[in-house]
Amino acid sequence: MHSPEPPLAAAPLSAAAAPSLSPGRRAWLRFKANRRGYWSLWIFLLVFGISLFAEVLSNDAPVVASYKGQLYFPMLKTYPETTFGGDFRTRTDYLDPYIRQQLSSDGNWALWPPNRYRFDTLNYFAPSPNPAPPSSVNWLGTDDRGRDILARLLYGFRLSILFGLALTVIGMILGLLAGAVQGFFGGKVDLFMQRFIEIWGSVPELYLLLILASIFEPSVWILLVILSLFGWMGLADYTRAEFLRNRELEYVTAARAMGLSPWQIIRRHVLPNSLTPAIAFLPFRMSAAIVALTSLDFLGLGVPPSTPSLGEMLSQGKSNLDAWWISLSTFGVLVASLMLLIFIGEALRDALDTRKG
């Protein structure tokens, strides 16, 4: 008898038959391989997500309070002092020891935020003269006006990130549009816009800010508009170079032969293949926007003094050198934020580098 033949082993998949990864999936794996950038992204998103709930985490009003059997929501609605047994019909100061006693006696209760101060709350009951050092009342101390440092850092960090994000998005849109028009159409269009960029780039931005600061009241929106007028030119140069290179490739010629309009070719074919520099520079542009806001606030040309700002806190630290907690905490938050963005940018740049496996 012949012994049965052993079953044939499955042949290994060839390189052509093996499932291939999409370009986006390969870029994500390259980004994830950079452990420093990968964890920096998650840490940054976590801290930024926490700062979005600053009003819930740091506020001088309770989230919810129960007084004489009735529920109140002081964080959402303003109540007069007479509501909680006070003598005046003014806005309730929930830091007043009498109001605190009213909300904690006879079955009354209040749910407080972890930090009981807003960015503009003046602590009239601080145990030490202002600027007060860190204590159990103010965990990171107070500034020279009696405002809580932790609260101003939380609100100021959120403002800086949102401002940097808005300035980056506006600059990206304007830069991509200008670079696409220059690079795709070329010729006189490119020549005219290039001369305009050179002239516009030579305008002294700081002098323009000084002039407008003397005319208008400083605000975040005015500062955003002014910086957006100049923040798109760097990205436009990279986009122009990508469009000049990609517009001569075969798929663009085929699209023209099929009768597609120039804007259809730009939107469907050239732009998606020219986004690599724009995406790679996003974290670096965002960090530059945060530094710009901080620098202008430090010089007194940025947001109003009542607005929580890292630059204004650094200016206070410079004016109060003995209050080391102001400069140290603000400098730590600013440096940590910029380092996280730089690490994310380096990982994103490596992830979009197709030469890496």
Protein backbone atom coordinates (compact mmCIF):
# COMPACT_ATOMS: atom_id res chain seq x y z
CA MET A 1 0.00 0.00 0.00
CA HIS A 2 1.09 3.44 -0.75
CA SER A 3 1.16 5.83 2.19
CA PRO A 4 -1.07 8.88 1.74
CA GLU A 5 0.72 11.92 0.48
CA PRO A 6 1.11 14.74 3.01
CA PRO A 7 -1.08 17.78 2.38
CA LEU A 8 0.50 20.53 0.39
CA ALA A 9 1.66 23.48 2.45
CA ALA A 10 0.09 26.81 1.64
CA ALA A 11 2.30 28.83 -0.63
CA PRO A 12 3.41 32.16 0.83
CA LEU A 13 1.76 35.23 -0.57
CA SER A 14 3.81 37.07 -3.10
CA ALA A 15 4.63 40.73 -2.68
CA ALA A 16 2.03 41.59 -5.28
CA ALA A 17 -0.68 39.51 -3.59
CA ALA A 18 0.05 40.77 -0.07
CA PRO A 19 -2.39 43.40 1.14
CA SER A 20 -0.89 46.87 0.74
CA LEU A 21 -1.36 49.73 3.14
CA SER A 22 -2.85 53.01 2.06
CA PRO A 23 -0.59 56.10 2.08
CA GLY A 24 -2.51 57.54 5.01
CA ARG A 25 -2.10 54.32 7.00
CA ARG A 26 1.63 54.21 6.28
CA ALA A 27 1.99 57.86 7.35
CA TRP A 28 0.15 57.12 10.60
CA LEU A 29 2.42 54.14 11.32
CA ARG A 30 5.49 56.29 10.71
CA PHE A 31 4.06 58.95 13.03
CA LYS A 32 3.28 56.37 15.69
CA ALA A 33 6.80 54.97 15.44
CA ASN A 34 8.09 58.33 16.69
CA ARG A 35 7.23 57.72 20.33
CA ARG A 36 8.16 61.22 21.46
CA GLY A 37 5.88 62.90 18.96
CA TYR A 38 3.11 60.34 19.41
CA TRP A 39 2.88 60.80 23.18
CA SER A 40 3.33 64.55 22.84
CA LEU A 41 0.21 64.61 20.67
CA TRP A 42 -1.87 62.76 23.25
CA ILE A 43 -0.55 64.88 26.14
CA PHE A 44 -1.25 68.08 24.20
CA LEU A 45 -4.79 66.97 23.29
CA LEU A 46 -5.46 65.95 26.90
CA VAL A 47 -4.30 69.26 28.38
CA PHE A 48 -6.09 71.28 25.71
CA GLY A 49 -9.27 69.28 26.26
CA ILE A 50 -9.07 69.98 30.00
CA SER A 51 -8.61 73.71 29.35
CA LEU A 52 -11.81 73.80 27.29
CA PHE A 53 -13.70 73.17 30.54
CA ALA A 54 -11.90 75.94 32.43
CA GLU A 55 -15.17 77.48 33.65
CA VAL A 56 -16.11 74.20 35.30
CA LEU A 57 -12.67 73.49 36.74
CA SER A 58 -11.80 76.98 37.94
CA ASN A 59 -14.60 79.34 38.95
CA ASP A 60 -15.58 81.54 41.87
CA ALA A 61 -19.19 80.30 41.74
CA PRO A 62 -20.48 76.83 42.65
CA VAL A 63 -21.57 74.49 39.90
CA VAL A 64 -24.84 73.81 41.72
CA ALA A 65 -26.08 74.86 45.16
CA SER A 66 -28.99 73.86 47.35
CA TYR A 67 -30.36 76.54 49.67
CA LYS A 68 -33.49 76.03 51.76
CA GLY A 69 -34.55 73.10 49.61
CA GLN A 70 -34.23 74.89 46.27
CA LEU A 71 -31.56 74.23 43.64
CA TYR A 72 -29.52 77.06 42.15
CA PHE A 73 -26.98 77.08 39.33
CA PRO A 74 -24.68 80.03 40.06
CA MET A 75 -22.28 79.14 37.26
CA LEU A 76 -25.03 79.63 34.68
CA LYS A 77 -27.09 82.40 36.29
CA THR A 78 -26.30 85.44 38.40
CA TYR A 79 -28.13 85.62 41.71
CA PRO A 80 -28.31 88.60 44.08
CA GLU A 81 -26.86 88.30 47.55
CA THR A 82 -30.32 88.42 49.12
CA THR A 83 -31.06 85.00 47.58
CA PHE A 84 -28.69 83.39 50.08
CA GLY A 85 -29.53 85.53 53.12
CA GLY A 86 -27.38 88.56 52.34
CA ASP A 87 -28.29 92.23 52.79
CA PHE A 88 -27.65 93.68 49.31
CA ARG A 89 -29.15 93.01 45.87
CA THR A 90 -25.74 93.01 44.23
CA ARG A 91 -24.08 90.01 42.60
CA THR A 92 -23.29 87.33 45.15
CA ASP A 93 -19.65 87.04 46.18
CA TYR A 94 -19.38 83.34 46.84
CA LEU A 95 -15.94 83.78 48.41
CA ASP A 96 -17.47 85.85 51.22
CA PRO A 97 -17.17 83.84 54.45
CA TYR A 98 -20.79 84.68 55.33
CA ILE A 99 -22.10 83.30 52.01
CA ARG A 100 -19.94 80.19 52.40
CA GLN A 101 -21.38 79.66 55.85
CA GLN A 102 -24.91 80.08 54.52
CA LEU A 103 -24.32 77.45 51.84
CA SER A 104 -22.85 74.91 54.27
CA SER A 105 -25.24 75.09 57.24
CA ASP A 106 -28.75 73.86 58.06
CA GLY A 107 -28.75 71.18 55.37
CA ASN A 108 -27.63 73.53 52.60
CA TRP A 109 -24.81 72.44 50.34
CA ALA A 110 -22.83 73.57 47.27
CA LEU A 111 -20.77 71.70 44.69
CA TRP A 112 -17.63 73.75 44.08
CA PRO A 113 -15.10 73.54 41.22
CA PRO A 114 -11.69 72.10 42.10
CA ASN A 115 -10.21 75.62 42.04
CA ARG A 116 -12.51 78.28 43.48
CA TYR A 117 -11.28 81.23 41.42
CA ARG A 118 -11.86 82.65 37.95
CA PHE A 119 -9.12 84.40 36.00
CA ASP A 120 -10.46 87.81 37.11
CA THR A 121 -11.40 86.95 40.70
CA LEU A 122 -9.78 89.17 43.31
CA ASN A 123 -9.08 87.24 46.50
CA TYR A 124 -9.80 89.80 49.21
CA PHE A 125 -9.42 87.11 51.86
CA ALA A 126 -5.88 85.93 50.99
CA PRO A 127 -3.82 84.99 54.06
CA SER A 128 -0.83 87.02 52.80
CA PRO A 129 -0.47 90.40 51.06
CA ASN A 130 -0.42 90.32 47.28
CA PRO A 131 1.41 88.97 45.42
CA ALA A 132 0.89 86.03 47.78
CA PRO A 133 3.07 82.88 47.54
CA PRO A 134 1.57 79.43 46.90
CA SER A 135 -0.65 78.19 49.70
CA SER A 136 -3.55 75.84 50.36
CA VAL A 137 -5.91 78.65 49.32
CA ASN A 138 -4.14 79.67 46.12
CA TRP A 139 -2.18 76.64 44.92
CA LEU A 140 0.18 78.63 42.69
CA GLY A 141 -0.10 81.94 44.53
CA THR A 142 -1.59 85.24 43.41
CA ASP A 143 -0.36 88.12 41.26
CA ASP A 144 0.07 91.72 42.35
CA ARG A 145 -3.68 92.33 42.07
CA GLY A 146 -4.75 89.30 44.05
CA ARG A 147 -5.80 87.12 41.10
CA ASP A 148 -5.21 83.38 41.26
CA ILE A 149 -2.21 82.26 39.17
CA LEU A 150 -3.56 78.76 38.49
CA ALA A 151 -6.84 80.13 37.14
CA ARG A 152 -5.09 82.65 34.90
CA LEU A 153 -2.74 79.96 33.59
CA LEU A 154 -5.65 77.67 32.75
CA TYR A 155 -7.64 80.37 30.96
CA GLY A 156 -4.52 81.89 29.38
CA PHE A 157 -3.35 78.55 28.01
CA ARG A 158 -6.74 78.01 26.36
CA LEU A 159 -6.69 81.50 24.86
CA SER A 160 -3.17 81.00 23.48
CA ILE A 161 -3.99 77.63 21.88
CA LEU A 162 -7.26 78.84 20.36
CA PHE A 163 -5.58 81.99 19.05
CA GLY A 164 -2.71 80.00 17.58
CA LEU A 165 -5.10 77.52 16.02
CA ALA A 166 -7.25 80.26 14.47
CA LEU A 167 -4.23 82.13 13.14
CA THR A 168 -2.78 78.91 11.70
CA VAL A 169 -6.03 77.96 9.95
CA ILE A 170 -6.48 81.44 8.43
CA GLY A 171 -2.86 81.58 7.32
CA MET A 172 -3.10 78.09 5.86
CA ILE A 173 -6.21 78.95 3.82
CA LEU A 174 -4.77 82.21 2.48
CA GLY A 175 -1.34 80.68 1.87
CA LEU A 176 -2.72 77.69 0.00
CA LEU A 177 -4.96 79.88 -2.14
CA ALA A 178 -2.23 82.36 -3.03
CA GLY A 179 0.40 79.66 -3.67
CA ALA A 180 -2.01 77.59 -5.77
CA VAL A 181 -2.88 80.52 -8.03
CA GLN A 182 0.79 81.47 -8.44
CA GLY A 183 2.12 78.01 -9.10
CA PHE A 184 -0.64 76.68 -11.34
CA PHE A 185 -1.20 79.64 -13.64
CA GLY A 186 2.39 80.97 -13.61
CA GLY A 187 3.40 83.62 -16.11
CA LYS A 188 2.22 87.16 -15.44
CA VAL A 189 -0.04 86.02 -12.61
CA ASP A 190 2.92 84.53 -10.78
CA LEU A 191 5.11 87.55 -11.52
CA PHE A 192 2.52 90.07 -10.32
CA MET A 193 1.68 88.17 -7.11
CA GLN A 194 5.34 87.57 -6.33
CA ARG A 195 6.07 91.30 -6.55
CA PHE A 196 3.02 92.00 -4.37
CA ILE A 197 4.24 89.54 -1.73
CA GLU A 198 7.68 91.17 -1.72
CA ILE A 199 6.17 94.63 -1.24
CA TRP A 200 3.66 93.49 1.38
CA GLY A 201 6.32 91.54 3.25
CA SER A 202 8.46 94.66 3.57
CA VAL A 203 5.74 96.50 5.53
CA PRO A 204 6.94 96.88 9.16
CA GLU A 205 4.47 94.76 11.06
CA LEU A 206 5.43 96.08 14.51
CA TYR A 207 4.98 99.71 13.44
CA LEU A 208 1.57 98.86 12.02
CA LEU A 209 0.60 97.27 15.35
CA LEU A 210 1.75 100.39 17.22
CA ILE A 211 -0.34 102.64 14.96
CA LEU A 212 -3.47 100.50 15.21
CA ALA A 213 -3.05 100.06 18.97
CA SER A 214 -3.18 103.84 19.35
CA ILE A 215 -6.35 104.07 17.20
CA PHE A 216 -8.38 101.05 18.32
CA GLU A 217 -8.88 99.46 21.71
CA PRO A 218 -6.72 96.32 21.88
CA SER A 219 -8.63 93.07 21.46
CA VAL A 220 -8.03 89.48 20.42
CA TRP A 221 -9.97 89.97 17.17
CA ILE A 222 -7.99 93.01 16.03
CA LEU A 223 -4.76 91.22 16.81
CA LEU A 224 -5.94 88.14 14.90
CA VAL A 225 -6.82 90.21 11.82
CA ILE A 226 -3.51 92.08 11.80
CA LEU A 227 -1.36 88.97 12.21
CA SER A 228 -3.43 87.11 9.61
CA LEU A 229 -2.55 89.78 7.04
CA PHE A 230 1.11 88.75 7.27
CA GLY A 231 1.02 85.11 8.40
CA TRP A 232 0.22 83.52 5.04
CA MET A 233 3.25 84.52 2.96
CA GLY A 234 5.64 81.84 4.18
CA LEU A 235 3.25 79.02 3.37
CA ALA A 236 2.44 80.56 -0.02
CA ASP A 237 6.07 80.12 -1.11
CA TYR A 238 6.09 76.39 -0.31
CA THR A 239 2.70 75.86 -1.97
CA ARG A 240 3.82 77.75 -5.07
CA ALA A 241 6.89 75.54 -5.40
CA GLU A 242 4.79 72.37 -5.08
CA PHE A 243 2.30 73.56 -7.71
CA LEU A 244 5.08 74.54 -10.12
CA ARG A 245 6.44 71.00 -9.83
CA ASN A 246 3.13 69.11 -9.98
CA ARG A 247 1.42 71.04 -12.76
CA GLU A 248 3.71 69.48 -15.40
CA LEU A 249 3.08 65.87 -14.37
CA GLU A 250 1.19 63.39 -16.54
CA TYR A 251 -2.03 63.24 -14.55
CA VAL A 252 -2.46 67.02 -14.85
CA THR A 253 -1.95 66.81 -18.62
CA ALA A 254 -4.50 64.00 -18.79
CA ALA A 255 -6.98 66.06 -16.76
CA ARG A 256 -6.57 68.97 -19.16
CA ALA A 257 -7.14 66.64 -22.10
CA MET A 258 -10.37 65.43 -20.49
CA GLY A 259 -11.68 69.00 -20.49
CA LEU A 260 -11.55 69.76 -16.74
CA SER A 261 -11.43 73.42 -15.79
CA PRO A 262 -8.31 74.84 -14.07
CA TRP A 263 -10.09 75.08 -10.71
CA GLN A 264 -11.30 71.49 -10.99
CA ILE A 265 -7.74 70.34 -11.69
CA ILE A 266 -6.45 72.37 -8.75
CA ARG A 267 -9.09 71.07 -6.33
CA ARG A 268 -9.16 67.42 -7.39
CA HIS A 269 -5.61 66.65 -8.48
CA VAL A 270 -2.88 69.19 -7.75
CA LEU A 271 -3.90 70.45 -4.30
CA PRO A 272 -4.17 67.01 -2.61
CA ASN A 273 -0.66 66.20 -3.87
CA SER A 274 0.75 69.54 -2.69
CA LEU A 275 -0.43 69.54 0.93
CA THR A 276 2.62 67.83 2.41
CA PRO A 277 4.57 71.03 3.27
CA ALA A 278 1.43 72.73 4.60
CA ILE A 279 0.55 69.85 6.93
CA ALA A 280 4.15 69.30 8.05
CA PHE A 281 4.54 72.95 9.07
CA LEU A 282 1.23 73.23 10.96
CA PRO A 283 2.60 72.62 14.52
CA PHE A 284 5.56 74.94 13.89
CA ARG A 285 3.27 77.69 12.60
CA MET A 286 1.01 77.23 15.61
CA SER A 287 3.94 77.54 18.02
CA ALA A 288 5.07 80.69 16.20
CA ALA A 289 1.56 82.16 16.60
CA ILE A 290 1.61 81.44 20.35
CA VAL A 291 5.02 83.10 20.68
CA ALA A 292 3.77 86.12 18.71
CA LEU A 293 0.74 86.55 20.98
CA THR A 294 2.86 86.14 24.11
CA SER A 295 5.46 88.63 22.91
CA LEU A 296 2.89 91.28 21.99
CA ASP A 297 1.11 90.86 25.31
CA PHE A 298 4.43 91.15 27.12
CA LEU A 299 5.06 94.47 25.32
CA GLY A 300 1.54 95.70 26.05
CA LEU A 301 0.41 95.59 22.40
CA GLY A 302 -1.81 92.53 22.59
CA VAL A 303 -5.05 91.79 24.39
CA PRO A 304 -6.56 94.06 27.08
CA PRO A 305 -4.98 93.81 30.55
CA SER A 306 -8.09 92.12 32.00
CA THR A 307 -7.77 89.22 29.54
CA PRO A 308 -5.88 86.16 30.86
CA SER A 309 -2.65 86.03 28.89
CA LEU A 310 0.70 84.30 29.32
CA GLY A 311 2.52 87.39 28.06
CA GLU A 312 0.82 89.65 30.60
CA MET A 313 1.76 87.23 33.38
CA LEU A 314 5.39 87.24 32.23
CA SER A 315 5.30 91.02 32.33
CA GLN A 316 4.01 90.84 35.90
CA GLY A 317 6.80 88.44 36.77
CA LYS A 318 9.33 90.92 35.39
CA SER A 319 7.82 93.71 37.49
CA ASN A 320 7.74 91.53 40.63
CA LEU A 321 11.04 89.69 40.66
CA ASP A 322 10.59 88.65 44.29
CA ALA A 323 7.34 86.85 43.36
CA TRP A 324 9.17 83.97 41.70
CA TRP A 325 6.02 81.82 41.44
CA ILE A 326 4.55 84.09 38.75
CA SER A 327 7.44 83.84 36.30
CA LEU A 328 8.28 80.21 37.06
CA SER A 329 4.79 78.82 36.53
CA THR A 330 4.08 80.92 33.42
CA PHE A 331 7.45 80.13 31.87
CA GLY A 332 6.93 76.42 32.57
CA VAL A 333 3.52 76.35 30.86
CA LEU A 334 4.82 78.28 27.84
CA VAL A 335 7.94 76.15 27.37
CA ALA A 336 6.03 72.88 27.85
CA SER A 337 3.42 73.91 25.26
CA LEU A 338 6.03 74.88 22.68
CA MET A 339 8.04 71.69 23.28
CA LEU A 340 4.97 69.52 22.76
CA LEU A 341 4.12 71.31 19.51
CA ILE A 342 7.71 71.02 18.25
CA PHE A 343 7.83 67.28 19.03
CA ILE A 344 4.51 66.83 17.22
CA GLY A 345 5.82 68.79 14.25
CA GLU A 346 8.99 66.70 14.02
CA ALA A 347 7.00 63.46 14.11
CA LEU A 348 4.56 64.78 11.51
CA ARG A 349 7.41 65.81 9.23
CA ASP A 350 8.95 62.34 9.45
CA ALA A 351 5.56 60.71 8.90
CA LEU A 352 5.02 62.58 5.64
CA ASP A 353 8.50 61.75 4.38
CA THR A 354 7.80 58.99 1.84
CA ARG A 355 11.47 58.04 1.71
CA LYS A 356 11.08 56.38 5.09
CA GLY A 357 9.56 52.93 5.29
